[in-house]
Amino acid sequence: MRVDLVGLGAVGAGYGSRMLAAGLDVRVVVDQQRAERYRGTATLVNGVAYDFPITGGVDEPADLAIVAVKSPALDQAIDLLRPRVGPDTVILSLLNGVDSEAVIAAALPQATVLLALTVGIDAVRHGREVSYTSLGRVVFGEPTNLGEPGPSVRRVAEILQTAGIDYVIPADMRHQLWWKFLINVGINQVSAVLGAPYSAFQVVGSPAREAMIAAQREVIAVANAQGVALDERDLDAWLEVLAGLGPDNYTSMAQDALAGRPTEVDIFGGRVSQWGRRHGVPTPVNDLLVQLLRAGTALPPRRFG
């Protein structure tokens, strides 16, 4: 089976390297400019060099297409995949947020788009080098997964199992997407404002941890207003995951902020503030985080690492 991978950042390279090492037919789909830059240069993942096949343009439809870019690059990723997907192609979007799947499904209706997310991955990218202590797990499936999984879900499970990538197929995938959203709104935004690694959030009662939790409780309130049953148990489940992450590693949003790159604040706190206004739910913590992160884009880049 062929796997097309769009996005060779920390997440894409981390999972792609596992698939390549397992002998799967993995191809990194890029535009011409990136193709010239990538060809002939290996990607180092935990110190091991991987020569990912680089491709683009029209091809036979892939069996699985994985989208692992940041949200501002989603439209370009869709354009890259358009001539490479068909009725038998399954697409997994590993983007943050809760609406990328709907965007992809509307643009590529000929393919099957499953809901998906990653949790517990602490990969960090420096140029063409990626390192991690945990790849976490991929959570995916149809919106509701009861009984025997369908052929699309089984195909993805087979590929992940072959690559040795942990995965979960939950009964309520929509709830899981919102749980991941709760995680990102808290840890990503606060870590980006502070420029702090996971260790700042692993100490019970620390100011960073309390700020993160305050932002996440606003997500719970907004989710409840939209009919999604998040509660304190979801927050507790995240804190258990947080305890196992590499203390010296950084969230992707903190890496972006420290490097002076655009952040995904619009799909995190921006969405929370928007939905809060719609439903009359106060979101003062996220309102402030959004303003701080947007203001930070005007600052000169800082050295990361």
Protein backbone atom coordinates (compact mmCIF):
# COMPACT_ATOMS: atom_id res chain seq x y z
CA MET A 1 0.00 0.00 0.00
CA ARG A 2 1.20 3.51 -0.82
CA VAL A 3 1.20 6.30 1.73
CA ASP A 4 1.40 9.92 0.57
CA LEU A 5 2.68 12.28 3.27
CA VAL A 6 2.18 16.04 3.07
CA GLY A 7 4.26 17.78 5.71
CA LEU A 8 7.75 16.72 6.80
CA GLY A 9 7.85 18.60 10.08
CA ALA A 10 8.13 17.06 13.53
CA VAL A 11 4.91 15.03 13.29
CA GLY A 12 5.25 14.03 9.64
CA ALA A 13 8.89 13.03 9.92
CA GLY A 14 8.31 11.19 13.19
CA TYR A 15 5.54 8.97 11.88
CA GLY A 16 6.90 8.86 8.32
CA SER A 17 10.24 7.53 9.52
CA ARG A 18 8.51 4.66 11.30
CA MET A 19 6.60 3.79 8.14
CA LEU A 20 9.69 4.00 5.96
CA ALA A 21 11.69 1.83 8.36
CA ALA A 22 8.90 -0.76 8.26
CA GLY A 23 9.21 -1.04 4.49
CA LEU A 24 6.04 0.82 3.57
CA ASP A 25 5.88 2.75 0.28
CA VAL A 26 5.98 6.29 1.70
CA ARG A 27 6.23 9.31 -0.58
CA VAL A 28 6.55 12.89 0.59
CA VAL A 29 4.41 15.14 -1.60
CA VAL A 30 5.80 18.65 -2.08
CA ASP A 31 5.77 21.53 -4.54
CA GLN A 32 8.62 22.08 -6.99
CA GLN A 33 10.45 24.55 -4.76
CA ARG A 34 10.57 22.17 -1.82
CA ALA A 35 11.39 19.23 -4.08
CA GLU A 36 14.61 20.91 -5.16
CA ARG A 37 15.49 21.66 -1.55
CA TYR A 38 14.66 18.20 -0.19
CA ARG A 39 16.14 15.92 -2.83
CA GLY A 40 19.58 14.59 -1.99
CA THR A 41 19.32 15.68 1.65
CA ALA A 42 18.40 13.16 4.32
CA THR A 43 16.09 13.94 7.22
CA LEU A 44 17.56 12.98 10.59
CA VAL A 45 15.08 11.49 13.05
CA ASN A 46 16.58 10.72 16.46
CA GLY A 47 19.98 10.72 14.78
CA VAL A 48 19.07 8.24 12.04
CA ALA A 49 19.15 9.45 8.42
CA TYR A 50 16.02 8.80 6.33
CA ASP A 51 15.96 9.42 2.58
CA PHE A 52 12.28 10.03 1.98
CA PRO A 53 11.17 9.63 -1.63
CA ILE A 54 10.13 13.10 -2.82
CA THR A 55 7.35 13.48 -5.36
CA GLY A 56 4.59 15.77 -6.61
CA GLY A 57 2.10 16.23 -9.41
CA VAL A 58 -0.22 13.62 -10.90
CA ASP A 59 0.07 10.00 -9.76
CA GLU A 60 -2.09 6.94 -9.22
CA PRO A 61 -4.35 7.43 -6.19
CA ALA A 62 -2.67 6.71 -2.86
CA ASP A 63 -4.12 4.17 -0.45
CA LEU A 64 -3.57 6.54 2.48
CA ALA A 65 -2.79 10.26 2.47
CA ILE A 66 -1.59 11.87 5.69
CA VAL A 67 -1.79 15.64 6.07
CA ALA A 68 0.69 16.83 8.69
CA VAL A 69 1.08 20.54 8.01
CA LYS A 70 0.22 23.62 10.06
CA SER A 71 -3.20 25.16 9.51
CA PRO A 72 -2.01 28.07 7.30
CA ALA A 73 -0.68 25.50 4.79
CA LEU A 74 -3.88 23.43 4.56
CA ASP A 75 -5.10 24.88 1.26
CA GLN A 76 -1.74 24.19 -0.39
CA ALA A 77 -1.74 20.64 1.00
CA ILE A 78 -5.16 20.05 -0.55
CA ASP A 79 -3.90 21.32 -3.92
CA LEU A 80 -0.92 18.94 -3.73
CA LEU A 81 -3.18 15.96 -3.00
CA ARG A 82 -5.92 16.75 -5.51
CA PRO A 83 -4.28 14.89 -8.48
CA ARG A 84 -3.24 11.97 -6.24
CA VAL A 85 -6.47 10.82 -4.55
CA GLY A 86 -9.42 8.77 -5.71
CA PRO A 87 -12.49 6.90 -4.42
CA ASP A 88 -10.30 4.33 -2.65
CA THR A 89 -8.03 6.89 -0.95
CA VAL A 90 -8.32 7.39 2.80
CA ILE A 91 -7.17 10.74 4.19
CA LEU A 92 -6.00 11.37 7.75
CA SER A 93 -5.61 14.99 8.82
CA LEU A 94 -3.26 15.37 11.78
CA LEU A 95 -3.75 19.13 11.92
CA ASN A 96 -4.65 20.87 15.13
CA GLY A 97 -8.13 22.31 15.60
CA VAL A 98 -11.53 20.73 15.04
CA ASP A 99 -12.46 21.64 11.48
CA SER A 100 -9.68 20.61 9.04
CA GLU A 101 -11.45 17.36 8.16
CA ALA A 102 -14.54 19.23 7.00
CA VAL A 103 -12.41 21.53 4.84
CA ILE A 104 -10.60 18.59 3.23
CA ALA A 105 -13.80 16.60 2.69
CA ALA A 106 -15.43 19.55 0.94
CA ALA A 107 -12.41 20.07 -1.33
CA LEU A 108 -11.71 16.38 -2.06
CA PRO A 109 -15.14 14.69 -2.01
CA GLN A 110 -13.89 11.71 -4.02
CA ALA A 111 -11.80 10.48 -1.06
CA THR A 112 -12.76 9.16 2.39
CA VAL A 113 -11.74 11.54 5.18
CA LEU A 114 -11.54 10.04 8.66
CA LEU A 115 -11.33 12.06 11.87
CA ALA A 116 -7.87 11.90 13.43
CA LEU A 117 -5.51 13.43 15.95
CA THR A 118 -2.24 12.71 17.70
CA VAL A 119 -1.68 12.83 21.44
CA GLY A 120 1.41 12.39 23.57
CA ILE A 121 3.93 13.14 20.81
CA ASP A 122 6.75 15.46 21.89
CA ALA A 123 8.76 15.67 18.66
CA VAL A 124 10.89 18.77 18.05
CA ARG A 125 12.25 19.92 14.69
CA HIS A 126 15.44 21.91 14.05
CA GLY A 127 15.80 22.37 10.31
CA ARG A 128 16.00 18.87 8.80
CA GLU A 129 16.56 17.22 12.19
CA VAL A 130 13.73 15.83 14.29
CA SER A 131 14.01 14.36 17.78
CA TYR A 132 11.47 12.89 20.15
CA THR A 133 11.20 10.84 23.32
CA SER A 134 7.60 9.81 22.61
CA LEU A 135 5.55 9.48 19.42
CA GLY A 136 2.40 9.13 21.49
CA ARG A 137 -0.49 7.60 19.62
CA VAL A 138 -2.79 8.28 16.68
CA VAL A 139 -6.48 8.45 17.55
CA PHE A 140 -8.72 8.06 14.52
CA GLY A 141 -11.94 6.70 13.07
CA GLU A 142 -15.41 7.57 11.89
CA PRO A 143 -17.32 10.12 14.02
CA THR A 144 -18.85 7.13 15.83
CA ASN A 145 -17.09 3.75 16.00
CA LEU A 146 -19.32 0.98 17.34
CA GLY A 147 -19.01 -2.66 16.36
CA GLU A 148 -16.63 -3.87 13.67
CA PRO A 149 -14.63 -1.10 11.96
CA GLY A 150 -15.24 -0.43 8.28
CA PRO A 151 -12.70 -1.03 5.49
CA SER A 152 -11.23 2.49 5.61
CA VAL A 153 -10.57 2.29 9.34
CA ARG A 154 -9.15 -1.22 9.01
CA ARG A 155 -6.76 -0.07 6.28
CA VAL A 156 -5.35 2.72 8.43
CA ALA A 157 -5.05 0.39 11.41
CA GLU A 158 -3.11 -2.11 9.31
CA ILE A 159 -0.65 0.54 8.13
CA LEU A 160 -0.11 1.92 11.64
CA GLN A 161 0.32 -1.56 13.08
CA THR A 162 2.87 -2.44 10.40
CA ALA A 163 4.83 0.70 11.28
CA GLY A 164 4.68 0.03 15.02
CA ILE A 165 2.72 3.23 15.68
CA ASP A 166 0.32 3.07 18.61
CA TYR A 167 -3.28 3.88 17.77
CA VAL A 168 -6.75 3.99 19.29
CA ILE A 169 -10.15 3.79 17.58
CA PRO A 170 -12.52 5.44 20.09
CA ALA A 171 -16.27 5.00 20.23
CA ASP A 172 -16.83 8.79 20.15
CA MET A 173 -14.26 10.39 17.85
CA ARG A 174 -15.87 13.83 17.92
CA HIS A 175 -15.39 13.95 21.68
CA GLN A 176 -11.73 13.01 21.19
CA LEU A 177 -11.23 15.86 18.71
CA TRP A 178 -12.56 18.32 21.24
CA TRP A 179 -10.38 16.78 23.94
CA LYS A 180 -7.31 17.40 21.77
CA PHE A 181 -8.57 20.92 21.15
CA LEU A 182 -8.74 21.44 24.93
CA ILE A 183 -5.13 20.26 25.19
CA ASN A 184 -3.84 22.56 22.46
CA VAL A 185 -5.70 25.66 23.57
CA GLY A 186 -4.04 25.38 26.97
CA ILE A 187 -0.54 23.98 26.57
CA ASN A 188 0.25 25.35 23.10
CA GLN A 189 -0.84 28.91 23.70
CA VAL A 190 0.61 29.36 27.19
CA SER A 191 3.89 27.66 26.25
CA ALA A 192 4.15 29.95 23.21
CA VAL A 193 3.59 33.08 25.31
CA LEU A 194 6.14 31.97 27.92
CA GLY A 195 8.63 30.27 25.59
CA ALA A 196 8.52 27.41 28.09
CA PRO A 197 9.12 23.64 27.79
CA TYR A 198 6.83 20.95 29.15
CA SER A 199 8.64 20.98 32.50
CA ALA A 200 7.06 24.36 33.33
CA PHE A 201 3.63 22.70 33.18
CA GLN A 202 4.47 19.43 34.94
CA VAL A 203 4.84 20.98 38.39
CA VAL A 204 1.53 20.90 40.27
CA GLY A 205 0.47 24.40 41.24
CA SER A 206 3.00 26.20 39.05
CA PRO A 207 1.82 29.49 37.49
CA ALA A 208 2.28 28.08 33.98
CA ARG A 209 0.18 25.02 34.79
CA GLU A 210 -2.57 27.10 36.39
CA ALA A 211 -2.71 29.43 33.38
CA MET A 212 -2.97 26.42 31.07
CA ILE A 213 -5.80 24.92 33.13
CA ALA A 214 -7.68 28.23 33.20
CA ALA A 215 -7.62 28.41 29.39
CA GLN A 216 -8.74 24.79 29.16
CA ARG A 217 -11.69 25.30 31.51
CA GLU A 218 -12.94 27.96 29.10
CA VAL A 219 -12.82 25.31 26.35
CA ILE A 220 -14.98 23.03 28.51
CA ALA A 221 -17.55 25.81 28.94
CA VAL A 222 -17.62 26.65 25.22
CA ALA A 223 -17.80 22.97 24.24
CA ASN A 224 -20.74 22.40 26.58
CA ALA A 225 -22.53 25.36 25.00
CA GLN A 226 -22.09 23.64 21.62
CA GLY A 227 -23.38 20.28 22.81
CA VAL A 228 -20.01 18.60 23.36
CA ALA A 229 -19.79 16.89 26.76
CA LEU A 230 -16.30 17.83 27.94
CA ASP A 231 -15.76 17.97 31.69
CA GLU A 232 -13.09 17.88 34.41
CA ARG A 233 -12.39 14.22 33.68
CA ASP A 234 -11.06 15.23 30.28
CA LEU A 235 -8.77 17.75 31.92
CA ASP A 236 -7.52 15.08 34.36
CA ALA A 237 -6.86 12.70 31.45
CA TRP A 238 -4.70 15.36 29.79
CA LEU A 239 -2.72 15.98 32.98
CA GLU A 240 -1.86 12.27 33.05
CA VAL A 241 -0.54 12.48 29.48
CA LEU A 242 1.39 15.66 30.29
CA ALA A 243 3.24 13.93 33.11
CA GLY A 244 4.82 11.50 30.63
CA LEU A 245 6.12 14.02 28.10
CA GLY A 246 9.81 14.88 27.77
CA PRO A 247 10.33 17.78 30.22
CA ASP A 248 12.90 19.55 28.05
CA ASN A 249 10.82 19.41 24.87
CA TYR A 250 8.59 22.18 23.54
CA THR A 251 5.15 22.29 21.96
CA SER A 252 5.03 23.00 18.24
CA MET A 253 3.48 26.40 18.93
CA ALA A 254 6.25 27.36 21.34
CA GLN A 255 8.80 26.34 18.70
CA ASP A 256 7.03 28.54 16.16
CA ALA A 257 6.81 31.52 18.49
CA LEU A 258 10.46 31.28 19.54
CA ALA A 259 11.55 31.04 15.91
CA GLY A 260 9.44 34.01 14.87
CA ARG A 261 7.12 31.93 12.71
CA PRO A 262 3.34 32.51 12.50
CA THR A 263 1.39 30.57 15.13
CA GLU A 264 -1.95 28.79 15.00
CA VAL A 265 -3.56 31.15 17.50
CA ASP A 266 -6.54 31.78 15.21
CA ILE A 267 -7.65 28.13 15.35
CA PHE A 268 -7.04 27.89 19.11
CA GLY A 269 -7.88 30.87 21.28
CA GLY A 270 -9.33 32.69 18.30
CA ARG A 271 -11.96 29.99 17.90
CA VAL A 272 -12.66 29.84 21.65
CA SER A 273 -13.22 33.60 21.79
CA GLN A 274 -15.42 33.48 18.68
CA TRP A 275 -17.59 30.67 20.03
CA GLY A 276 -17.70 32.27 23.46
CA ARG A 277 -19.15 35.45 22.01
CA ARG A 278 -21.66 33.44 19.99
CA HIS A 279 -22.95 31.57 23.04
CA GLY A 280 -22.53 34.26 25.68
CA VAL A 281 -19.73 32.36 27.45
CA PRO A 282 -16.97 34.55 28.96
CA THR A 283 -13.45 33.63 27.74
CA PRO A 284 -11.13 36.24 29.32
CA VAL A 285 -8.06 33.98 29.50
CA ASN A 286 -8.20 33.03 25.85
CA ASP A 287 -9.02 36.61 24.85
CA LEU A 288 -5.79 37.74 26.52
CA LEU A 289 -3.71 34.88 25.09
CA VAL A 290 -4.91 35.73 21.59
CA GLN A 291 -3.88 39.36 21.99
CA LEU A 292 -0.46 38.44 23.39
CA LEU A 293 0.26 35.93 20.65
CA ARG A 294 -0.85 38.25 17.87
CA ALA A 295 1.27 41.03 19.34
CA GLY A 296 4.22 38.65 19.50
CA THR A 297 4.25 38.18 15.75
CA ALA A 298 5.53 41.76 15.44
CA LEU A 299 8.62 40.97 17.52
CA PRO A 300 11.93 39.93 15.90
CA PRO A 301 12.73 36.18 15.88
CA ARG A 302 14.42 34.75 18.95
CA ARG A 303 16.91 31.93 18.89
CA PHE A 304 15.30 28.57 19.73
CA GLY A 305 17.19 25.81 21.53
